[in-house]
PDB file of N, CA and C in Angstrom:
ATOM      1  N   UNK A   1     -65.772  -2.806  62.292  1.00  0.00           N
ATOM      2  CA  UNK A   1     -65.711  -3.550  61.063  1.00  0.00           C
ATOM      3  C   UNK A   1     -66.404  -2.776  59.946  1.00  0.00           C
ATOM      4  N   UNK A   2     -67.567  -2.238  60.241  1.00  0.00           N
ATOM      5  CA  UNK A   2     -68.336  -1.526  59.221  1.00  0.00           C
ATOM      6  C   UNK A   2     -67.583  -0.290  58.709  1.00  0.00           C
ATOM      7  N   UNK A   3     -66.912   0.411  59.590  1.00  0.00           N
ATOM      8  CA  UNK A   3     -66.153   1.602  59.190  1.00  0.00           C
ATOM      9  C   UNK A   3     -64.994   1.198  58.280  1.00  0.00           C
ATOM     10  N   UNK A   4     -64.276   0.140  58.640  1.00  0.00           N
ATOM     11  CA  UNK A   4     -63.155  -0.299  57.818  1.00  0.00           C
ATOM     12  C   UNK A   4     -63.634  -0.789  56.449  1.00  0.00           C
ATOM     13  N   UNK A   5     -64.733  -1.526  56.401  1.00  0.00           N
ATOM     14  CA  UNK A   5     -65.264  -2.001  55.128  1.00  0.00           C
ATOM     15  C   UNK A   5     -65.722  -0.822  54.259  1.00  0.00           C
ATOM     16  N   UNK A   6     -66.293   0.201  54.884  1.00  0.00           N
ATOM     17  CA  UNK A   6     -66.714   1.394  54.140  1.00  0.00           C
ATOM     18  C   UNK A   6     -65.492   2.104  53.566  1.00  0.00           C
ATOM     19  N   UNK A   7     -64.432   2.190  54.344  1.00  0.00           N
ATOM     20  CA  UNK A   7     -63.183   2.802  53.893  1.00  0.00           C
ATOM     21  C   UNK A   7     -62.654   2.058  52.666  1.00  0.00           C
ATOM     22  N   UNK A   8     -62.685   0.735  52.709  1.00  0.00           N
ATOM     23  CA  UNK A   8     -62.246  -0.067  51.562  1.00  0.00           C
ATOM     24  C   UNK A   8     -63.099   0.245  50.333  1.00  0.00           C
ATOM     25  N   UNK A   9     -64.401   0.302  50.528  1.00  0.00           N
ATOM     26  CA  UNK A   9     -65.324   0.529  49.419  1.00  0.00           C
ATOM     27  C   UNK A   9     -65.122   1.903  48.781  1.00  0.00           C
ATOM     28  N   UNK A  10     -64.660   2.866  49.540  1.00  0.00           N
ATOM     29  CA  UNK A  10     -64.444   4.206  48.999  1.00  0.00           C
ATOM     30  C   UNK A  10     -63.263   4.257  48.039  1.00  0.00           C
ATOM     31  N   UNK A  11     -62.253   3.412  48.239  1.00  0.00           N
ATOM     32  CA  UNK A  11     -61.083   3.431  47.371  1.00  0.00           C
ATOM     33  C   UNK A  11     -61.228   2.519  46.157  1.00  0.00           C
ATOM     34  N   UNK A  12     -62.138   1.550  46.182  1.00  0.00           N
ATOM     35  CA  UNK A  12     -62.300   0.636  45.050  1.00  0.00           C
ATOM     36  C   UNK A  12     -62.666   1.346  43.746  1.00  0.00           C
ATOM     37  N   UNK A  13     -63.604   2.294  43.730  1.00  0.00           N
ATOM     38  CA  UNK A  13     -63.900   2.986  42.464  1.00  0.00           C
ATOM     39  C   UNK A  13     -62.695   3.750  41.906  1.00  0.00           C
ATOM     40  N   UNK A  14     -61.851   4.265  42.782  1.00  0.00           N
ATOM     41  CA  UNK A  14     -60.645   4.971  42.333  1.00  0.00           C
ATOM     42  C   UNK A  14     -59.699   4.001  41.623  1.00  0.00           C
ATOM     43  N   UNK A  15     -59.580   2.789  42.147  1.00  0.00           N
ATOM     44  CA  UNK A  15     -58.717   1.787  41.512  1.00  0.00           C
ATOM     45  C   UNK A  15     -59.258   1.414  40.134  1.00  0.00           C
ATOM     46  N   UNK A  16     -60.568   1.287  40.021  1.00  0.00           N
ATOM     47  CA  UNK A  16     -61.192   0.975  38.730  1.00  0.00           C
ATOM     48  C   UNK A  16     -60.962   2.126  37.751  1.00  0.00           C
ATOM     49  N   UNK A  17     -61.107   3.343  38.225  1.00  0.00           N
ATOM     50  CA  UNK A  17     -60.900   4.523  37.370  1.00  0.00           C
ATOM     51  C   UNK A  17     -59.469   4.561  36.831  1.00  0.00           C
ATOM     52  N   UNK A  18     -58.497   4.178  37.646  1.00  0.00           N
ATOM     53  CA  UNK A  18     -57.099   4.180  37.209  1.00  0.00           C
ATOM     54  C   UNK A  18     -56.866   3.195  36.067  1.00  0.00           C
ATOM     55  N   UNK A  19     -57.553   2.056  36.101  1.00  0.00           N
ATOM     56  CA  UNK A  19     -57.398   1.069  35.027  1.00  0.00           C
ATOM     57  C   UNK A  19     -57.847   1.669  33.699  1.00  0.00           C
ATOM     58  N   UNK A  20     -58.915   2.461  33.721  1.00  0.00           N
ATOM     59  CA  UNK A  20     -59.401   3.095  32.498  1.00  0.00           C
ATOM     60  C   UNK A  20     -58.565   4.304  32.093  1.00  0.00           C
ATOM     61  N   UNK A  21     -58.021   5.018  33.063  1.00  0.00           N
ATOM     62  CA  UNK A  21     -57.285   6.248  32.776  1.00  0.00           C
ATOM     63  C   UNK A  21     -55.890   5.979  32.213  1.00  0.00           C
ATOM     64  N   UNK A  22     -55.187   4.996  32.731  1.00  0.00           N
ATOM     65  CA  UNK A  22     -53.787   4.792  32.355  1.00  0.00           C
ATOM     66  C   UNK A  22     -53.576   4.489  30.872  1.00  0.00           C
ATOM     67  N   UNK A  23     -54.404   3.656  30.217  1.00  0.00           N
ATOM     68  CA  UNK A  23     -54.143   3.347  28.804  1.00  0.00           C
ATOM     69  C   UNK A  23     -54.818   4.299  27.807  1.00  0.00           C
ATOM     70  N   UNK A  24     -55.231   5.490  28.248  1.00  0.00           N
ATOM     71  CA  UNK A  24     -55.883   6.422  27.327  1.00  0.00           C
ATOM     72  C   UNK A  24     -54.938   6.822  26.212  1.00  0.00           C
ATOM     73  N   UNK A  25     -55.356   7.078  25.006  1.00  0.00           N
ATOM     74  CA  UNK A  25     -56.736   7.168  24.541  1.00  0.00           C
ATOM     75  C   UNK A  25     -57.312   5.842  24.040  1.00  0.00           C
ATOM     76  N   UNK A  26     -56.510   4.802  23.937  1.00  0.00           N
ATOM     77  CA  UNK A  26     -56.983   3.540  23.354  1.00  0.00           C
ATOM     78  C   UNK A  26     -57.939   2.782  24.275  1.00  0.00           C
ATOM     79  N   UNK A  27     -57.792   2.947  25.579  1.00  0.00           N
ATOM     80  CA  UNK A  27     -58.625   2.203  26.522  1.00  0.00           C
ATOM     81  C   UNK A  27     -57.918   0.944  26.993  1.00  0.00           C
ATOM     82  N   UNK A  28     -58.492   0.286  27.997  1.00  0.00           N
ATOM     83  CA  UNK A  28     -57.839  -0.891  28.562  1.00  0.00           C
ATOM     84  C   UNK A  28     -57.844  -2.082  27.602  1.00  0.00           C
ATOM     85  N   UNK A  29     -56.809  -2.903  27.721  1.00  0.00           N
ATOM     86  CA  UNK A  29     -56.742  -4.126  26.933  1.00  0.00           C
ATOM     87  C   UNK A  29     -57.549  -5.216  27.635  1.00  0.00           C
ATOM     88  N   UNK A  30     -57.445  -6.436  27.162  1.00  0.00           N
ATOM     89  CA  UNK A  30     -58.213  -7.547  27.743  1.00  0.00           C
ATOM     90  C   UNK A  30     -57.855  -7.763  29.214  1.00  0.00           C
ATOM     91  N   UNK A  31     -56.569  -7.627  29.555  1.00  0.00           N
ATOM     92  CA  UNK A  31     -56.164  -7.787  30.957  1.00  0.00           C
ATOM     93  C   UNK A  31     -56.776  -6.696  31.832  1.00  0.00           C
ATOM     94  N   UNK A  32     -56.834  -5.477  31.305  1.00  0.00           N
ATOM     95  CA  UNK A  32     -57.451  -4.376  32.037  1.00  0.00           C
ATOM     96  C   UNK A  32     -58.933  -4.602  32.254  1.00  0.00           C
ATOM     97  N   UNK A  33     -59.596  -5.089  31.226  1.00  0.00           N
ATOM     98  CA  UNK A  33     -61.035  -5.381  31.343  1.00  0.00           C
ATOM     99  C   UNK A  33     -61.279  -6.470  32.388  1.00  0.00           C
ATOM    100  N   UNK A  34     -60.418  -7.488  32.392  1.00  0.00           N
ATOM    101  CA  UNK A  34     -60.534  -8.556  33.390  1.00  0.00           C
ATOM    102  C   UNK A  34     -60.299  -8.005  34.789  1.00  0.00           C
ATOM    103  N   UNK A  35     -59.309  -7.122  34.920  1.00  0.00           N
ATOM    104  CA  UNK A  35     -59.021  -6.516  36.218  1.00  0.00           C
ATOM    105  C   UNK A  35     -60.216  -5.705  36.713  1.00  0.00           C
ATOM    106  N   UNK A  36     -60.841  -4.949  35.816  1.00  0.00           N
ATOM    107  CA  UNK A  36     -62.017  -4.155  36.193  1.00  0.00           C
ATOM    108  C   UNK A  36     -63.149  -5.065  36.647  1.00  0.00           C
ATOM    109  N   UNK A  37     -63.336  -6.162  35.945  1.00  0.00           N
ATOM    110  CA  UNK A  37     -64.387  -7.119  36.322  1.00  0.00           C
ATOM    111  C   UNK A  37     -64.151  -7.671  37.723  1.00  0.00           C
ATOM    112  N   UNK A  38     -62.902  -8.037  38.020  1.00  0.00           N
ATOM    113  CA  UNK A  38     -62.574  -8.557  39.355  1.00  0.00           C
ATOM    114  C   UNK A  38     -62.755  -7.483  40.428  1.00  0.00           C
ATOM    115  N   UNK A  39     -62.335  -6.254  40.115  1.00  0.00           N
ATOM    116  CA  UNK A  39     -62.471  -5.159  41.080  1.00  0.00           C
ATOM    117  C   UNK A  39     -63.942  -4.845  41.342  1.00  0.00           C
ATOM    118  N   UNK A  40     -64.766  -4.886  40.302  1.00  0.00           N
ATOM    119  CA  UNK A  40     -66.199  -4.614  40.468  1.00  0.00           C
ATOM    120  C   UNK A  40     -66.846  -5.701  41.340  1.00  0.00           C
ATOM    121  N   UNK A  41     -66.459  -6.946  41.126  1.00  0.00           N
ATOM    122  CA  UNK A  41     -66.985  -8.038  41.961  1.00  0.00           C
ATOM    123  C   UNK A  41     -66.562  -7.857  43.410  1.00  0.00           C
ATOM    124  N   UNK A  42     -65.304  -7.464  43.616  1.00  0.00           N
ATOM    125  CA  UNK A  42     -64.815  -7.242  44.982  1.00  0.00           C
ATOM    126  C   UNK A  42     -65.582  -6.100  45.642  1.00  0.00           C
ATOM    127  N   UNK A  43     -65.859  -5.028  44.891  1.00  0.00           N
ATOM    128  CA  UNK A  43     -66.618  -3.900  45.434  1.00  0.00           C
ATOM    129  C   UNK A  43     -68.031  -4.340  45.808  1.00  0.00           C
ATOM    130  N   UNK A  44     -68.676  -5.119  44.942  1.00  0.00           N
ATOM    131  CA  UNK A  44     -70.017  -5.623  45.245  1.00  0.00           C
ATOM    132  C   UNK A  44     -70.005  -6.479  46.508  1.00  0.00           C
ATOM    133  N   UNK A  45     -68.966  -7.298  46.647  1.00  0.00           N
ATOM    134  CA  UNK A  45     -68.847  -8.145  47.833  1.00  0.00           C
ATOM    135  C   UNK A  45     -68.667  -7.298  49.095  1.00  0.00           C
ATOM    136  N   UNK A  46     -67.829  -6.266  48.999  1.00  0.00           N
ATOM    137  CA  UNK A  46     -67.612  -5.373  50.135  1.00  0.00           C
ATOM    138  C   UNK A  46     -68.910  -4.673  50.528  1.00  0.00           C
ATOM    139  N   UNK A  47     -69.647  -4.181  49.531  1.00  0.00           N
ATOM    140  CA  UNK A  47     -70.918  -3.510  49.819  1.00  0.00           C
ATOM    141  C   UNK A  47     -71.920  -4.482  50.448  1.00  0.00           C
ATOM    142  N   UNK A  48     -71.923  -5.714  49.981  1.00  0.00           N
ATOM    143  CA  UNK A  48     -72.795  -6.733  50.565  1.00  0.00           C
ATOM    144  C   UNK A  48     -72.427  -6.994  52.025  1.00  0.00           C
ATOM    145  N   UNK A  49     -71.121  -7.048  52.314  1.00  0.00           N
ATOM    146  CA  UNK A  49     -70.666  -7.225  53.699  1.00  0.00           C
ATOM    147  C   UNK A  49     -71.115  -6.067  54.583  1.00  0.00           C
ATOM    148  N   UNK A  50     -71.040  -4.844  54.044  1.00  0.00           N
ATOM    149  CA  UNK A  50     -71.459  -3.670  54.814  1.00  0.00           C
ATOM    150  C   UNK A  50     -72.950  -3.760  55.124  1.00  0.00           C
ATOM    151  N   UNK A  51     -73.737  -4.092  54.113  1.00  0.00           N
ATOM    152  CA  UNK A  51     -75.187  -4.174  54.303  1.00  0.00           C
ATOM    153  C   UNK A  51     -75.580  -5.256  55.291  1.00  0.00           C
ATOM    154  N   UNK A  52     -74.901  -6.401  55.229  1.00  0.00           N
ATOM    155  CA  UNK A  52     -75.278  -7.516  56.097  1.00  0.00           C
ATOM    156  C   UNK A  52     -74.532  -7.538  57.419  1.00  0.00           C
ATOM    157  N   UNK A  53     -73.476  -6.703  57.536  1.00  0.00           N
ATOM    158  CA  UNK A  53     -72.695  -6.679  58.781  1.00  0.00           C
ATOM    159  C   UNK A  53     -71.812  -7.899  58.941  1.00  0.00           C
ATOM    160  N   UNK A  54     -71.388  -8.494  57.817  1.00  0.00           N
ATOM    161  CA  UNK A  54     -70.538  -9.679  57.861  1.00  0.00           C
ATOM    162  C   UNK A  54     -69.203  -9.389  57.206  1.00  0.00           C
ATOM    163  N   UNK A  55     -68.340 -10.398  57.181  1.00  0.00           N
ATOM    164  CA  UNK A  55     -67.050 -10.282  56.508  1.00  0.00           C
ATOM    165  C   UNK A  55     -65.980  -9.699  57.396  1.00  0.00           C
ATOM    166  N   UNK A  56     -64.768  -9.817  56.921  1.00  0.00           N
ATOM    167  CA  UNK A  56     -63.605  -9.287  57.623  1.00  0.00           C
ATOM    168  C   UNK A  56     -62.978  -8.183  56.782  1.00  0.00           C
ATOM    169  N   UNK A  57     -62.581  -7.089  57.406  1.00  0.00           N
ATOM    170  CA  UNK A  57     -61.935  -6.015  56.641  1.00  0.00           C
ATOM    171  C   UNK A  57     -60.576  -6.456  56.109  1.00  0.00           C
ATOM    172  N   UNK A  58     -60.207  -5.967  54.930  1.00  0.00           N
ATOM    173  CA  UNK A  58     -58.882  -6.229  54.369  1.00  0.00           C
ATOM    174  C   UNK A  58     -57.836  -5.423  55.131  1.00  0.00           C
ATOM    175  N   UNK A  59     -58.226  -4.230  55.525  1.00  0.00           N
ATOM    176  CA  UNK A  59     -57.320  -3.341  56.259  1.00  0.00           C
ATOM    177  C   UNK A  59     -57.364  -3.684  57.740  1.00  0.00           C
ATOM    178  N   UNK A  60     -56.228  -3.714  58.344  1.00  0.00           N
ATOM    179  CA  UNK A  60     -56.186  -3.973  59.783  1.00  0.00           C
ATOM    180  C   UNK A  60     -56.172  -2.669  60.572  1.00  0.00           C
ATOM    181  N   UNK A  61     -55.536  -1.644  60.002  1.00  0.00           N
ATOM    182  CA  UNK A  61     -55.498  -0.334  60.655  1.00  0.00           C
ATOM    183  C   UNK A  61     -55.657   0.745  59.597  1.00  0.00           C
ATOM    184  N   UNK A  62     -56.108   1.886  60.013  1.00  0.00           N
ATOM    185  CA  UNK A  62     -56.200   3.049  59.142  1.00  0.00           C
ATOM    186  C   UNK A  62     -55.188   4.061  59.648  1.00  0.00           C
ATOM    187  N   UNK A  63     -54.284   4.493  58.761  1.00  0.00           N
ATOM    188  CA  UNK A  63     -53.232   5.433  59.128  1.00  0.00           C
ATOM    189  C   UNK A  63     -53.818   6.836  59.197  1.00  0.00           C
ATOM    190  N   UNK A  64     -54.074   7.311  60.404  1.00  0.00           N
ATOM    191  CA  UNK A  64     -54.689   8.621  60.586  1.00  0.00           C
ATOM    192  C   UNK A  64     -53.697   9.771  60.452  1.00  0.00           C
ATOM    193  N   UNK A  65     -52.401   9.461  60.273  1.00  0.00           N
ATOM    194  CA  UNK A  65     -51.413  10.528  60.126  1.00  0.00           C
ATOM    195  C   UNK A  65     -51.371  11.073  58.702  1.00  0.00           C
ATOM    196  N   UNK A  66     -51.984  10.384  57.741  1.00  0.00           N
ATOM    197  CA  UNK A  66     -51.989  10.848  56.359  1.00  0.00           C
ATOM    198  C   UNK A  66     -53.016  11.952  56.172  1.00  0.00           C
ATOM    199  N   UNK A  67     -52.713  12.908  55.296  1.00  0.00           N
ATOM    200  CA  UNK A  67     -53.708  13.947  55.016  1.00  0.00           C
ATOM    201  C   UNK A  67     -54.952  13.334  54.392  1.00  0.00           C
ATOM    202  N   UNK A  68     -56.077  13.946  54.609  1.00  0.00           N
ATOM    203  CA  UNK A  68     -57.344  13.470  54.054  1.00  0.00           C
ATOM    204  C   UNK A  68     -57.243  13.342  52.543  1.00  0.00           C
ATOM    205  N   UNK A  69     -57.751  12.248  52.008  1.00  0.00           N
ATOM    206  CA  UNK A  69     -57.789  12.060  50.567  1.00  0.00           C
ATOM    207  C   UNK A  69     -56.542  11.440  49.968  1.00  0.00           C
ATOM    208  N   UNK A  70     -55.617  10.937  50.803  1.00  0.00           N
ATOM    209  CA  UNK A  70     -54.422  10.306  50.263  1.00  0.00           C
ATOM    210  C   UNK A  70     -54.399   8.835  50.637  1.00  0.00           C
ATOM    211  N   UNK A  71     -53.724   8.069  49.826  1.00  0.00           N
ATOM    212  CA  UNK A  71     -53.508   6.658  50.111  1.00  0.00           C
ATOM    213  C   UNK A  71     -52.052   6.473  50.486  1.00  0.00           C
ATOM    214  N   UNK A  72     -51.789   5.547  51.380  1.00  0.00           N
ATOM    215  CA  UNK A  72     -50.412   5.218  51.705  1.00  0.00           C
ATOM    216  C   UNK A  72     -49.893   4.306  50.603  1.00  0.00           C
ATOM    217  N   UNK A  73     -48.809   4.684  49.978  1.00  0.00           N
ATOM    218  CA  UNK A  73     -48.264   3.921  48.859  1.00  0.00           C
ATOM    219  C   UNK A  73     -47.114   3.045  49.338  1.00  0.00           C
ATOM    220  N   UNK A  74     -46.920   1.959  48.618  1.00  0.00           N
ATOM    221  CA  UNK A  74     -45.829   1.056  48.938  1.00  0.00           C
ATOM    222  C   UNK A  74     -44.512   1.687  48.521  1.00  0.00           C
ATOM    223  N   UNK A  75     -43.400   1.359  49.224  1.00  0.00           N
ATOM    224  CA  UNK A  75     -42.096   1.894  48.820  1.00  0.00           C
ATOM    225  C   UNK A  75     -41.802   1.513  47.374  1.00  0.00           C
ATOM    226  N   UNK A  76     -41.267   2.418  46.637  1.00  0.00           N
ATOM    227  CA  UNK A  76     -40.932   2.161  45.241  1.00  0.00           C
ATOM    228  C   UNK A  76     -42.071   2.405  44.270  1.00  0.00           C
ATOM    229  N   UNK A  77     -43.261   2.711  44.778  1.00  0.00           N
ATOM    230  CA  UNK A  77     -44.392   2.965  43.890  1.00  0.00           C
ATOM    231  C   UNK A  77     -44.194   4.312  43.216  1.00  0.00           C
ATOM    232  N   UNK A  78     -44.323   4.302  41.893  1.00  0.00           N
ATOM    233  CA  UNK A  78     -44.185   5.551  41.149  1.00  0.00           C
ATOM    234  C   UNK A  78     -45.548   6.017  40.710  1.00  0.00           C
ATOM    235  N   UNK A  79     -45.842   7.255  40.963  1.00  0.00           N
ATOM    236  CA  UNK A  79     -47.104   7.845  40.527  1.00  0.00           C
ATOM    237  C   UNK A  79     -46.958   8.316  39.096  1.00  0.00           C
ATOM    238  N   UNK A  80     -47.958   8.044  38.266  1.00  0.00           N
ATOM    239  CA  UNK A  80     -47.894   8.442  36.844  1.00  0.00           C
ATOM    240  C   UNK A  80     -48.465   9.800  36.657  1.00  0.00           C
TER     241      UNK A  80
END
């Protein structure tokens, strides 16, 4: 459980960074700011679960066939 929760926590900052990067140079709108707030709360919750050894991982399995440093994307997802 702890390994899976740590894996989740490692990708959360990347998701937050994408919210700020995509609308450059103007920056995120109100919806983006709200999304960042929710993501930051989720990251804090995940870190709290890791520290206390509680909670359930969001991920059920980790795909070890992917190269290091990549995320498995959903079909139809376009990278910008």
